[in-house]
Amino acid sequence: MPAFFEQKDDLWEILWFDRIYEKHKKMWCSHNQHLNFYSFWGDYDDFFENIFKYFVKKIIHLVEGYSKSINQKTELNNRLNEFLVSITNPLRCYTTNYDRLIPTVYKGEMFEGFSKIDETFKFDLKRVIEDNTSNIYYNLHGSVHYDLEWPNTIKYSPYNFIYEFSSRTSYQRDQDKKKLIDSNIITGFNKPARILTNPYSQFYLRFYQDCLTVNKIFIVGYSFSDNHINSAIKTALSSNKNLKIVCVDYMVYDEDINMEAENDWITLNGINRNFLDDTFEINIHNVINDKEDYAKISIYRKGFQRFLESYQWTKI
């Protein structure tokens, strides 16, 4: 959490009410440089929306930072491209991250859910629904490159980082009458309801369909903590008898005295708990239907970078 704050007292500036506001007539006035707005005391939605957007901008700033450094890792990028090319086409990539790292590194063509119309990339619903043959890359939880075309259409700016997604108050509300805060990334508040809006619901629909038809799924750096994603994987495991799942994550601990001597690959069946992160082990069982599923899942535990550098995908 501290990485989000430029100054150590930023958190207090947000959450310590007496430092933020003073009564101004019948309204409350913010004196925080990040929260420059007037709000009625009873308008909790307005207060929370500004707090939420503050943190969203912090996240976008972090994503922009590492996105701009991608091209500095030439050798690693080459290994990533080789791995992607090795996968039988079409290449269907889905991410819960907010970047476009894969399309940047991959040297082939990828459809990202948007088609260029009048110099603007706009969401192409028809192609997302019908296209089964293109290499694709869909951001299931939004992207720092998404922008709002009022009133309710997402457009795409692949080379811009969008900090001001919306300057207007959202009119959409969830089933509990809570306002759906406009943002180009989905995190935290209202997450389940916002996933059901376009384009995210259509991306998820295609993810679900692809899970049911593919023979192999590579899962990289995912903690199995999203119920909707787990549901698709769980259904695929039960209905797709030929499905194999390869999980790649970093699970090397200080007590691993000799990393070279320890197992690179592990399985869920009879696993030594020292080799598997406790939270990961608990979460991954959310997709297990029966004991037969254990044999369908392999786990590479030494991280995606080592996975690429040692060409582990050729050893599966």
C-alpha atoms as a PDB file:
ATOM      1  CA  MET A   1       0.000   0.000   0.000  1.00  0.00           C
ATOM      2  CA  PRO A   2       2.728   2.623   0.759  1.00  0.00           C
ATOM      3  CA  ALA A   3       3.819   2.500  -2.902  1.00  0.00           C
ATOM      4  CA  PHE A   4       0.627   4.327  -3.821  1.00  0.00           C
ATOM      5  CA  PHE A   5       1.548   7.437  -1.871  1.00  0.00           C
ATOM      6  CA  GLU A   6       3.992  10.100  -2.984  1.00  0.00           C
ATOM      7  CA  GLN A   7       4.181  11.578   0.523  1.00  0.00           C
ATOM      8  CA  LYS A   8       3.804   9.687   3.758  1.00  0.00           C
ATOM      9  CA  ASP A   9       0.880  11.822   4.920  1.00  0.00           C
ATOM     10  CA  ASP A  10      -1.184  11.449   1.732  1.00  0.00           C
ATOM     11  CA  LEU A  11      -3.309   8.776   3.371  1.00  0.00           C
ATOM     12  CA  TRP A  12      -4.130  11.095   6.249  1.00  0.00           C
ATOM     13  CA  GLU A  13      -4.968  13.866   3.814  1.00  0.00           C
ATOM     14  CA  ILE A  14      -7.663  11.607   2.388  1.00  0.00           C
ATOM     15  CA  LEU A  15      -9.062   9.911   5.456  1.00  0.00           C
ATOM     16  CA  TRP A  16      -8.694  12.452   8.274  1.00  0.00           C
ATOM     17  CA  PHE A  17     -11.931  14.355   7.796  1.00  0.00           C
ATOM     18  CA  ASP A  18     -11.076  17.425   9.893  1.00  0.00           C
ATOM     19  CA  ARG A  19      -7.984  18.104   7.795  1.00  0.00           C
ATOM     20  CA  ILE A  20      -9.865  17.762   4.532  1.00  0.00           C
ATOM     21  CA  TYR A  21     -13.047  19.713   5.075  1.00  0.00           C
ATOM     22  CA  GLU A  22     -14.492  22.771   6.676  1.00  0.00           C
ATOM     23  CA  LYS A  23     -18.108  23.858   6.663  1.00  0.00           C
ATOM     24  CA  HIS A  24     -18.839  26.421   3.948  1.00  0.00           C
ATOM     25  CA  LYS A  25     -22.437  27.630   4.142  1.00  0.00           C
ATOM     26  CA  LYS A  26     -24.494  24.449   3.682  1.00  0.00           C
ATOM     27  CA  MET A  27     -21.727  22.562   1.954  1.00  0.00           C
ATOM     28  CA  TRP A  28     -18.385  21.063   2.833  1.00  0.00           C
ATOM     29  CA  CYS A  29     -15.249  22.285   1.057  1.00  0.00           C
ATOM     30  CA  SER A  30     -12.177  20.142   0.473  1.00  0.00           C
ATOM     31  CA  HIS A  31      -8.742  21.686   0.976  1.00  0.00           C
ATOM     32  CA  ASN A  32      -6.857  18.630  -0.213  1.00  0.00           C
ATOM     33  CA  GLN A  33      -5.003  19.320  -3.467  1.00  0.00           C
ATOM     34  CA  HIS A  34      -6.086  15.912  -4.776  1.00  0.00           C
ATOM     35  CA  LEU A  35      -9.743  16.352  -3.857  1.00  0.00           C
ATOM     36  CA  ASN A  36     -10.694  19.790  -5.067  1.00  0.00           C
ATOM     37  CA  PHE A  37     -14.497  19.686  -4.997  1.00  0.00           C
ATOM     38  CA  TYR A  38     -17.567  20.855  -3.113  1.00  0.00           C
ATOM     39  CA  SER A  39     -20.021  18.341  -1.767  1.00  0.00           C
ATOM     40  CA  PHE A  40     -23.234  18.305   0.206  1.00  0.00           C
ATOM     41  CA  TRP A  41     -22.692  16.653   3.544  1.00  0.00           C
ATOM     42  CA  GLY A  42     -25.244  13.952   2.694  1.00  0.00           C
ATOM     43  CA  ASP A  43     -23.699  13.150  -0.675  1.00  0.00           C
ATOM     44  CA  TYR A  44     -21.581  10.170   0.341  1.00  0.00           C
ATOM     45  CA  ASP A  45     -21.452   8.904  -3.241  1.00  0.00           C
ATOM     46  CA  ASP A  46     -19.681  12.059  -4.358  1.00  0.00           C
ATOM     47  CA  PHE A  47     -17.167  11.833  -1.533  1.00  0.00           C
ATOM     48  CA  PHE A  48     -16.402   8.163  -2.193  1.00  0.00           C
ATOM     49  CA  GLU A  49     -16.202   8.678  -5.964  1.00  0.00           C
ATOM     50  CA  ASN A  50     -13.432  11.223  -5.544  1.00  0.00           C
ATOM     51  CA  ILE A  51     -11.544   8.993  -3.122  1.00  0.00           C
ATOM     52  CA  PHE A  52     -11.894   6.067  -5.539  1.00  0.00           C
ATOM     53  CA  LYS A  53     -10.654   8.093  -8.506  1.00  0.00           C
ATOM     54  CA  TYR A  54      -7.645   9.247  -6.506  1.00  0.00           C
ATOM     55  CA  PHE A  55      -6.516   5.646  -6.043  1.00  0.00           C
ATOM     56  CA  VAL A  56      -7.327   4.746  -9.653  1.00  0.00           C
ATOM     57  CA  LYS A  57      -4.989   7.494 -10.839  1.00  0.00           C
ATOM     58  CA  LYS A  58      -2.267   6.099  -8.592  1.00  0.00           C
ATOM     59  CA  ILE A  59      -2.710   2.672 -10.184  1.00  0.00           C
ATOM     60  CA  ILE A  60      -2.638   4.112 -13.707  1.00  0.00           C
ATOM     61  CA  HIS A  61       0.571   5.982 -12.855  1.00  0.00           C
ATOM     62  CA  LEU A  62       2.222   2.709 -11.775  1.00  0.00           C
ATOM     63  CA  VAL A  63       1.045   0.877 -14.907  1.00  0.00           C
ATOM     64  CA  GLU A  64       2.313   3.690 -17.118  1.00  0.00           C
ATOM     65  CA  GLY A  65       5.712   3.487 -15.433  1.00  0.00           C
ATOM     66  CA  TYR A  66       6.344  -0.192 -16.071  1.00  0.00           C
ATOM     67  CA  SER A  67       4.637  -0.128 -19.493  1.00  0.00           C
ATOM     68  CA  LYS A  68       7.141   2.444 -20.736  1.00  0.00           C
ATOM     69  CA  SER A  69      10.045   0.251 -19.596  1.00  0.00           C
ATOM     70  CA  ILE A  70       8.912  -2.890 -21.457  1.00  0.00           C
ATOM     71  CA  ASN A  71      11.170  -2.299 -24.469  1.00  0.00           C
ATOM     72  CA  GLN A  72      14.250  -2.218 -22.220  1.00  0.00           C
ATOM     73  CA  LYS A  73      14.055  -5.992 -21.715  1.00  0.00           C
ATOM     74  CA  THR A  74      14.909  -7.150 -25.205  1.00  0.00           C
ATOM     75  CA  GLU A  75      16.005 -10.728 -24.476  1.00  0.00           C
ATOM     76  CA  LEU A  76      13.089 -11.448 -22.172  1.00  0.00           C
ATOM     77  CA  ASN A  77      10.691  -9.978 -24.716  1.00  0.00           C
ATOM     78  CA  ASN A  78      12.154 -12.238 -27.392  1.00  0.00           C
ATOM     79  CA  ARG A  79      11.561 -15.291 -25.173  1.00  0.00           C
ATOM     80  CA  LEU A  80       7.990 -14.157 -24.516  1.00  0.00           C
ATOM     81  CA  ASN A  81       7.376 -13.749 -28.234  1.00  0.00           C
ATOM     82  CA  GLU A  82       8.808 -17.218 -28.922  1.00  0.00           C
ATOM     83  CA  PHE A  83       6.491 -18.688 -26.308  1.00  0.00           C
ATOM     84  CA  LEU A  84       3.447 -16.946 -27.800  1.00  0.00           C
ATOM     85  CA  VAL A  85       4.375 -18.036 -31.324  1.00  0.00           C
ATOM     86  CA  SER A  86       4.725 -21.643 -30.132  1.00  0.00           C
ATOM     87  CA  ILE A  87       1.054 -21.754 -29.130  1.00  0.00           C
ATOM     88  CA  THR A  88      -1.158 -23.164 -31.842  1.00  0.00           C
ATOM     89  CA  ASN A  89      -3.158 -20.378 -33.469  1.00  0.00           C
ATOM     90  CA  PRO A  90      -5.439 -18.731 -32.840  1.00  0.00           C
ATOM     91  CA  LEU A  91      -3.785 -17.234 -29.772  1.00  0.00           C
ATOM     92  CA  ARG A  92      -6.514 -16.281 -27.282  1.00  0.00           C
ATOM     93  CA  CYS A  93      -5.153 -14.075 -24.487  1.00  0.00           C
ATOM     94  CA  TYR A  94      -7.203 -12.778 -21.567  1.00  0.00           C
ATOM     95  CA  THR A  95      -5.836 -10.673 -18.740  1.00  0.00           C
ATOM     96  CA  THR A  96      -7.014  -9.172 -15.470  1.00  0.00           C
ATOM     97  CA  ASN A  97      -4.150  -6.678 -15.717  1.00  0.00           C
ATOM     98  CA  TYR A  98      -4.730  -3.171 -17.052  1.00  0.00           C
ATOM     99  CA  ASP A  99      -1.881  -2.987 -19.567  1.00  0.00           C
ATOM    100  CA  ARG A 100      -1.297  -4.180 -23.133  1.00  0.00           C
ATOM    101  CA  LEU A 101       2.055  -5.862 -22.566  1.00  0.00           C
ATOM    102  CA  ILE A 102       1.315  -8.897 -24.772  1.00  0.00           C
ATOM    103  CA  PRO A 103       0.267  -6.920 -27.887  1.00  0.00           C
ATOM    104  CA  THR A 104       3.334  -4.718 -27.418  1.00  0.00           C
ATOM    105  CA  VAL A 105       5.764  -7.641 -27.315  1.00  0.00           C
ATOM    106  CA  TYR A 106       4.043 -10.056 -29.707  1.00  0.00           C
ATOM    107  CA  LYS A 107       5.288  -9.614 -33.267  1.00  0.00           C
ATOM    108  CA  GLY A 108       2.085 -10.782 -34.896  1.00  0.00           C
ATOM    109  CA  GLU A 109      -1.348  -9.216 -35.251  1.00  0.00           C
ATOM    110  CA  MET A 110      -3.753  -9.163 -32.321  1.00  0.00           C
ATOM    111  CA  PHE A 111      -7.342  -7.960 -32.155  1.00  0.00           C
ATOM    112  CA  GLU A 112      -7.963  -6.160 -28.861  1.00  0.00           C
ATOM    113  CA  GLY A 113     -11.721  -5.772 -29.110  1.00  0.00           C
ATOM    114  CA  PHE A 114     -11.743  -2.431 -30.907  1.00  0.00           C
ATOM    115  CA  SER A 115     -11.840  -1.508 -34.592  1.00  0.00           C
ATOM    116  CA  LYS A 116     -10.672   1.778 -36.078  1.00  0.00           C
ATOM    117  CA  ILE A 117     -13.574   3.944 -37.215  1.00  0.00           C
ATOM    118  CA  ASP A 118     -12.975   7.563 -38.284  1.00  0.00           C
ATOM    119  CA  GLU A 119      -9.508   7.589 -36.691  1.00  0.00           C
ATOM    120  CA  THR A 120     -10.913   6.320 -33.370  1.00  0.00           C
ATOM    121  CA  PHE A 121     -10.766   2.785 -32.000  1.00  0.00           C
ATOM    122  CA  LYS A 122     -14.288   1.837 -30.948  1.00  0.00           C
ATOM    123  CA  PHE A 123     -15.614  -1.333 -29.321  1.00  0.00           C
ATOM    124  CA  ASP A 124     -16.496  -3.847 -32.042  1.00  0.00           C
ATOM    125  CA  LEU A 125     -19.263  -5.909 -30.472  1.00  0.00           C
ATOM    126  CA  LYS A 126     -20.007  -7.933 -33.615  1.00  0.00           C
ATOM    127  CA  ARG A 127     -16.415  -9.033 -34.125  1.00  0.00           C
ATOM    128  CA  VAL A 128     -15.877  -9.845 -30.443  1.00  0.00           C
ATOM    129  CA  ILE A 129     -18.931 -12.107 -30.480  1.00  0.00           C
ATOM    130  CA  GLU A 130     -18.348 -13.767 -33.861  1.00  0.00           C
ATOM    131  CA  ASP A 131     -14.576 -13.872 -34.418  1.00  0.00           C
ATOM    132  CA  ASN A 132     -13.163 -17.283 -33.480  1.00  0.00           C
ATOM    133  CA  THR A 133     -10.064 -17.265 -35.680  1.00  0.00           C
ATOM    134  CA  SER A 134      -8.119 -14.095 -34.825  1.00  0.00           C
ATOM    135  CA  ASN A 135      -5.339 -13.782 -32.291  1.00  0.00           C
ATOM    136  CA  ILE A 136      -6.944 -11.740 -29.523  1.00  0.00           C
ATOM    137  CA  TYR A 137      -6.054  -9.892 -26.316  1.00  0.00           C
ATOM    138  CA  TYR A 138      -8.946  -8.850 -24.066  1.00  0.00           C
ATOM    139  CA  ASN A 139      -8.699  -6.900 -20.799  1.00  0.00           C
ATOM    140  CA  LEU A 140     -11.333  -8.553 -18.611  1.00  0.00           C
ATOM    141  CA  HIS A 141     -11.061  -5.876 -15.926  1.00  0.00           C
ATOM    142  CA  GLY A 142     -10.454  -2.825 -18.077  1.00  0.00           C
ATOM    143  CA  SER A 143      -7.384  -1.010 -19.313  1.00  0.00           C
ATOM    144  CA  VAL A 144      -5.477   2.199 -18.666  1.00  0.00           C
ATOM    145  CA  HIS A 145      -5.901   2.794 -22.410  1.00  0.00           C
ATOM    146  CA  TYR A 146      -9.707   2.862 -22.320  1.00  0.00           C
ATOM    147  CA  ASP A 147     -11.595   6.130 -22.504  1.00  0.00           C
ATOM    148  CA  LEU A 148     -15.257   7.055 -22.225  1.00  0.00           C
ATOM    149  CA  GLU A 149     -17.186   8.276 -25.208  1.00  0.00           C
ATOM    150  CA  TRP A 150     -20.211   9.761 -23.498  1.00  0.00           C
ATOM    151  CA  PRO A 151     -22.728   8.599 -22.557  1.00  0.00           C
ATOM    152  CA  ASN A 152     -21.882   4.907 -22.335  1.00  0.00           C
ATOM    153  CA  THR A 153     -19.406   3.796 -25.006  1.00  0.00           C
ATOM    154  CA  ILE A 154     -15.802   2.765 -24.463  1.00  0.00           C
ATOM    155  CA  LYS A 155     -13.170   3.848 -26.964  1.00  0.00           C
ATOM    156  CA  TYR A 156      -9.564   2.734 -27.061  1.00  0.00           C
ATOM    157  CA  SER A 157      -6.346   4.763 -27.176  1.00  0.00           C
ATOM    158  CA  PRO A 158      -3.566   2.136 -27.365  1.00  0.00           C
ATOM    159  CA  TYR A 159      -0.719   4.610 -26.926  1.00  0.00           C
ATOM    160  CA  ASN A 160      -2.282   6.985 -24.389  1.00  0.00           C
ATOM    161  CA  PHE A 161      -2.711   6.522 -20.646  1.00  0.00           C
ATOM    162  CA  ILE A 162      -6.145   7.772 -19.649  1.00  0.00           C
ATOM    163  CA  TYR A 163      -6.224   9.448 -16.229  1.00  0.00           C
ATOM    164  CA  GLU A 164      -9.429  11.447 -16.685  1.00  0.00           C
ATOM    165  CA  PHE A 165     -11.807   8.704 -17.734  1.00  0.00           C
ATOM    166  CA  SER A 166     -14.953  10.691 -17.009  1.00  0.00           C
ATOM    167  CA  SER A 167     -15.596  14.218 -15.814  1.00  0.00           C
ATOM    168  CA  ARG A 168     -19.295  13.585 -15.299  1.00  0.00           C
ATOM    169  CA  THR A 169     -21.189  11.743 -12.628  1.00  0.00           C
ATOM    170  CA  SER A 170     -22.291   8.250 -13.617  1.00  0.00           C
ATOM    171  CA  TYR A 171     -26.007   7.653 -13.970  1.00  0.00           C
ATOM    172  CA  GLN A 172     -25.697   3.857 -13.752  1.00  0.00           C
ATOM    173  CA  ARG A 173     -26.531   2.023 -10.537  1.00  0.00           C
ATOM    174  CA  ASP A 174     -26.331  -1.582  -9.413  1.00  0.00           C
ATOM    175  CA  GLN A 175     -29.094  -3.786  -8.017  1.00  0.00           C
ATOM    176  CA  ASP A 176     -28.635  -2.191  -4.586  1.00  0.00           C
ATOM    177  CA  LYS A 177     -29.041   1.313  -6.074  1.00  0.00           C
ATOM    178  CA  LYS A 178     -25.376   2.075  -5.525  1.00  0.00           C
ATOM    179  CA  LYS A 179     -23.750   4.260  -8.143  1.00  0.00           C
ATOM    180  CA  LEU A 180     -21.423   2.505 -10.592  1.00  0.00           C
ATOM    181  CA  ILE A 181     -18.386   4.744 -10.573  1.00  0.00           C
ATOM    182  CA  ASP A 182     -17.067   5.483 -14.059  1.00  0.00           C
ATOM    183  CA  SER A 183     -13.514   4.211 -14.415  1.00  0.00           C
ATOM    184  CA  ASN A 184     -11.444   2.588 -17.134  1.00  0.00           C
ATOM    185  CA  ILE A 185     -10.212  -0.086 -14.738  1.00  0.00           C
ATOM    186  CA  ILE A 186     -12.337  -2.386 -12.602  1.00  0.00           C
ATOM    187  CA  THR A 187     -11.095  -2.836  -9.062  1.00  0.00           C
ATOM    188  CA  GLY A 188     -12.726  -3.002  -5.663  1.00  0.00           C
ATOM    189  CA  PHE A 189     -15.993  -1.107  -5.335  1.00  0.00           C
ATOM    190  CA  ASN A 190     -18.930  -2.349  -7.482  1.00  0.00           C
ATOM    191  CA  LYS A 191     -16.617  -4.877  -9.153  1.00  0.00           C
ATOM    192  CA  PRO A 192     -19.209  -7.665  -9.743  1.00  0.00           C
ATOM    193  CA  ALA A 193     -21.781  -5.258 -11.196  1.00  0.00           C
ATOM    194  CA  ARG A 194     -19.314  -3.396 -13.411  1.00  0.00           C
ATOM    195  CA  ILE A 195     -17.991  -6.645 -14.913  1.00  0.00           C
ATOM    196  CA  LEU A 196     -21.476  -7.139 -16.375  1.00  0.00           C
ATOM    197  CA  THR A 197     -21.289  -3.911 -18.420  1.00  0.00           C
ATOM    198  CA  ASN A 198     -19.879  -3.673 -21.952  1.00  0.00           C
ATOM    199  CA  PRO A 199     -17.267  -4.403 -23.146  1.00  0.00           C
ATOM    200  CA  TYR A 200     -16.252  -6.423 -20.101  1.00  0.00           C
ATOM    201  CA  SER A 201     -19.264  -8.763 -20.160  1.00  0.00           C
ATOM    202  CA  GLN A 202     -18.618  -9.618 -23.825  1.00  0.00           C
ATOM    203  CA  PHE A 203     -14.928 -10.254 -23.177  1.00  0.00           C
ATOM    204  CA  TYR A 204     -15.889 -12.570 -20.322  1.00  0.00           C
ATOM    205  CA  LEU A 205     -18.418 -14.378 -22.520  1.00  0.00           C
ATOM    206  CA  ARG A 206     -15.680 -15.144 -25.056  1.00  0.00           C
ATOM    207  CA  PHE A 207     -13.331 -16.223 -22.258  1.00  0.00           C
ATOM    208  CA  TYR A 208     -15.966 -18.657 -21.002  1.00  0.00           C
ATOM    209  CA  GLN A 209     -16.554 -20.032 -24.498  1.00  0.00           C
ATOM    210  CA  ASP A 210     -12.840 -20.445 -25.207  1.00  0.00           C
ATOM    211  CA  CYS A 211     -12.313 -22.313 -21.936  1.00  0.00           C
ATOM    212  CA  LEU A 212     -14.873 -24.879 -23.063  1.00  0.00           C
ATOM    213  CA  THR A 213     -13.199 -25.627 -26.399  1.00  0.00           C
ATOM    214  CA  VAL A 214      -9.409 -25.372 -25.971  1.00  0.00           C
ATOM    215  CA  ASN A 215      -7.085 -28.267 -25.100  1.00  0.00           C
ATOM    216  CA  LYS A 216      -4.617 -26.262 -23.024  1.00  0.00           C
ATOM    217  CA  ILE A 217      -4.847 -23.158 -20.848  1.00  0.00           C
ATOM    218  CA  PHE A 218      -1.757 -21.286 -19.606  1.00  0.00           C
ATOM    219  CA  ILE A 219      -2.502 -19.340 -16.426  1.00  0.00           C
ATOM    220  CA  VAL A 220       0.216 -16.838 -15.484  1.00  0.00           C
ATOM    221  CA  GLY A 221       0.300 -14.986 -12.177  1.00  0.00           C
ATOM    222  CA  TYR A 222      -3.361 -15.509 -11.335  1.00  0.00           C
ATOM    223  CA  SER A 223      -4.306 -16.208  -7.705  1.00  0.00           C
ATOM    224  CA  PHE A 224      -7.693 -17.853  -8.425  1.00  0.00           C
ATOM    225  CA  SER A 225      -9.486 -15.208  -6.379  1.00  0.00           C
ATOM    226  CA  ASP A 226     -12.099 -14.066  -8.942  1.00  0.00           C
ATOM    227  CA  ASN A 227     -15.281 -16.109  -8.742  1.00  0.00           C
ATOM    228  CA  HIS A 228     -16.423 -15.426 -12.305  1.00  0.00           C
ATOM    229  CA  ILE A 229     -13.088 -16.530 -13.784  1.00  0.00           C
ATOM    230  CA  ASN A 230     -12.956 -19.571 -11.502  1.00  0.00           C
ATOM    231  CA  SER A 231     -16.453 -20.522 -12.634  1.00  0.00           C
ATOM    232  CA  ALA A 232     -15.384 -20.652 -16.292  1.00  0.00           C
ATOM    233  CA  ILE A 233     -12.313 -22.753 -15.488  1.00  0.00           C
ATOM    234  CA  LYS A 234     -14.234 -25.081 -13.189  1.00  0.00           C
ATOM    235  CA  THR A 235     -16.915 -25.678 -15.835  1.00  0.00           C
ATOM    236  CA  ALA A 236     -14.248 -26.286 -18.477  1.00  0.00           C
ATOM    237  CA  LEU A 237     -12.515 -28.879 -16.305  1.00  0.00           C
ATOM    238  CA  SER A 238     -15.749 -30.796 -15.813  1.00  0.00           C
ATOM    239  CA  SER A 239     -16.945 -30.658 -19.426  1.00  0.00           C
ATOM    240  CA  ASN A 240     -13.720 -30.653 -21.433  1.00  0.00           C
ATOM    241  CA  LYS A 241     -12.101 -34.034 -20.793  1.00  0.00           C
ATOM    242  CA  ASN A 242      -9.016 -33.229 -22.890  1.00  0.00           C
ATOM    243  CA  LEU A 243      -8.237 -29.972 -21.109  1.00  0.00           C
ATOM    244  CA  LYS A 244      -4.810 -29.450 -19.543  1.00  0.00           C
ATOM    245  CA  ILE A 245      -4.022 -26.421 -17.381  1.00  0.00           C
ATOM    246  CA  VAL A 246      -0.513 -25.060 -16.869  1.00  0.00           C
ATOM    247  CA  CYS A 247      -0.129 -22.564 -14.006  1.00  0.00           C
ATOM    248  CA  VAL A 248       2.975 -20.378 -13.893  1.00  0.00           C
ATOM    249  CA  ASP A 249       3.665 -18.467 -10.694  1.00  0.00           C
ATOM    250  CA  TYR A 250       6.489 -17.607  -8.313  1.00  0.00           C
ATOM    251  CA  MET A 251       6.535 -19.842  -5.246  1.00  0.00           C
ATOM    252  CA  VAL A 252      10.170 -19.926  -4.197  1.00  0.00           C
ATOM    253  CA  TYR A 253      10.834 -19.123  -0.557  1.00  0.00           C
ATOM    254  CA  ASP A 254      13.868 -18.211   1.516  1.00  0.00           C
ATOM    255  CA  GLU A 255      13.992 -21.712   2.973  1.00  0.00           C
ATOM    256  CA  ASP A 256      14.711 -23.121  -0.497  1.00  0.00           C
ATOM    257  CA  ILE A 257      18.445 -23.487   0.074  1.00  0.00           C
ATOM    258  CA  ASN A 258      19.270 -24.674  -3.436  1.00  0.00           C
ATOM    259  CA  MET A 259      16.836 -23.372  -6.023  1.00  0.00           C
ATOM    260  CA  GLU A 260      18.413 -25.452  -8.764  1.00  0.00           C
ATOM    261  CA  ALA A 261      17.877 -28.649  -6.796  1.00  0.00           C
ATOM    262  CA  GLU A 262      14.245 -27.979  -5.945  1.00  0.00           C
ATOM    263  CA  ASN A 263      11.409 -29.117  -8.171  1.00  0.00           C
ATOM    264  CA  ASP A 264      10.523 -26.763 -11.003  1.00  0.00           C
ATOM    265  CA  TRP A 265       7.192 -28.484 -11.634  1.00  0.00           C
ATOM    266  CA  ILE A 266       4.710 -29.583  -9.006  1.00  0.00           C
ATOM    267  CA  THR A 267       1.214 -31.032  -9.000  1.00  0.00           C
ATOM    268  CA  LEU A 268      -1.750 -30.682  -6.684  1.00  0.00           C
ATOM    269  CA  ASN A 269      -1.925 -34.427  -6.142  1.00  0.00           C
ATOM    270  CA  GLY A 270       0.199 -35.276  -3.090  1.00  0.00           C
ATOM    271  CA  ILE A 271       1.893 -31.894  -3.092  1.00  0.00           C
ATOM    272  CA  ASN A 272       4.419 -30.955  -0.429  1.00  0.00           C
ATOM    273  CA  ARG A 273       2.912 -27.823   1.120  1.00  0.00           C
ATOM    274  CA  ASN A 274       6.356 -26.215   1.385  1.00  0.00           C
ATOM    275  CA  PHE A 275       6.327 -25.894  -2.388  1.00  0.00           C
ATOM    276  CA  LEU A 276       2.945 -24.165  -2.686  1.00  0.00           C
ATOM    277  CA  ASP A 277       1.785 -20.807  -1.403  1.00  0.00           C
ATOM    278  CA  ASP A 278      -0.986 -21.422   1.165  1.00  0.00           C
ATOM    279  CA  THR A 279      -3.388 -18.868  -0.305  1.00  0.00           C
ATOM    280  CA  PHE A 280      -2.814 -20.179  -3.826  1.00  0.00           C
ATOM    281  CA  GLU A 281      -3.461 -23.753  -2.691  1.00  0.00           C
ATOM    282  CA  ILE A 282      -6.711 -22.786  -0.977  1.00  0.00           C
ATOM    283  CA  ASN A 283      -7.927 -20.696  -3.920  1.00  0.00           C
ATOM    284  CA  ILE A 284      -7.070 -23.149  -6.674  1.00  0.00           C
ATOM    285  CA  HIS A 285      -9.304 -25.739  -5.054  1.00  0.00           C
ATOM    286  CA  ASN A 286     -12.210 -23.464  -5.986  1.00  0.00           C
ATOM    287  CA  VAL A 287     -11.916 -24.848  -9.536  1.00  0.00           C
ATOM    288  CA  ILE A 288     -11.498 -28.511  -8.616  1.00  0.00           C
ATOM    289  CA  ASN A 289     -14.536 -30.698  -9.295  1.00  0.00           C
ATOM    290  CA  ASP A 290     -13.206 -34.144  -8.391  1.00  0.00           C
ATOM    291  CA  LYS A 291      -9.957 -36.064  -7.939  1.00  0.00           C
ATOM    292  CA  GLU A 292      -9.564 -36.491 -11.701  1.00  0.00           C
ATOM    293  CA  ASP A 293      -8.961 -32.746 -12.040  1.00  0.00           C
ATOM    294  CA  TYR A 294      -5.729 -32.976 -10.054  1.00  0.00           C
ATOM    295  CA  ALA A 295      -4.032 -34.769 -12.936  1.00  0.00           C
ATOM    296  CA  LYS A 296      -5.127 -32.044 -15.377  1.00  0.00           C
ATOM    297  CA  ILE A 297      -3.273 -29.221 -13.582  1.00  0.00           C
ATOM    298  CA  SER A 298       0.512 -28.693 -13.613  1.00  0.00           C
ATOM    299  CA  ILE A 299       2.228 -25.857 -11.752  1.00  0.00           C
ATOM    300  CA  TYR A 300       5.539 -24.209 -12.592  1.00  0.00           C
ATOM    301  CA  ARG A 301       6.637 -22.598  -9.347  1.00  0.00           C
ATOM    302  CA  LYS A 302       9.726 -20.555 -10.236  1.00  0.00           C
ATOM    303  CA  GLY A 303       8.129 -17.604 -11.960  1.00  0.00           C
ATOM    304  CA  PHE A 304       7.277 -16.546 -15.488  1.00  0.00           C
ATOM    305  CA  GLN A 305      10.702 -15.044 -16.222  1.00  0.00           C
ATOM    306  CA  ARG A 306      12.499 -18.305 -15.495  1.00  0.00           C
ATOM    307  CA  PHE A 307       9.756 -20.186 -17.339  1.00  0.00           C
ATOM    308  CA  LEU A 308      10.557 -18.158 -20.459  1.00  0.00           C
ATOM    309  CA  GLU A 309      14.339 -18.083 -20.128  1.00  0.00           C
ATOM    310  CA  SER A 310      14.598 -21.853 -19.719  1.00  0.00           C
ATOM    311  CA  TYR A 311      12.082 -22.640 -22.481  1.00  0.00           C
ATOM    312  CA  GLN A 312       9.910 -24.596 -20.070  1.00  0.00           C
ATOM    313  CA  TRP A 313       6.972 -24.597 -22.487  1.00  0.00           C
ATOM    314  CA  THR A 314       8.944 -26.980 -24.716  1.00  0.00           C
ATOM    315  CA  LYS A 315       9.170 -29.504 -21.857  1.00  0.00           C
ATOM    316  CA  ILE A 316       5.440 -29.857 -21.237  1.00  0.00           C
END
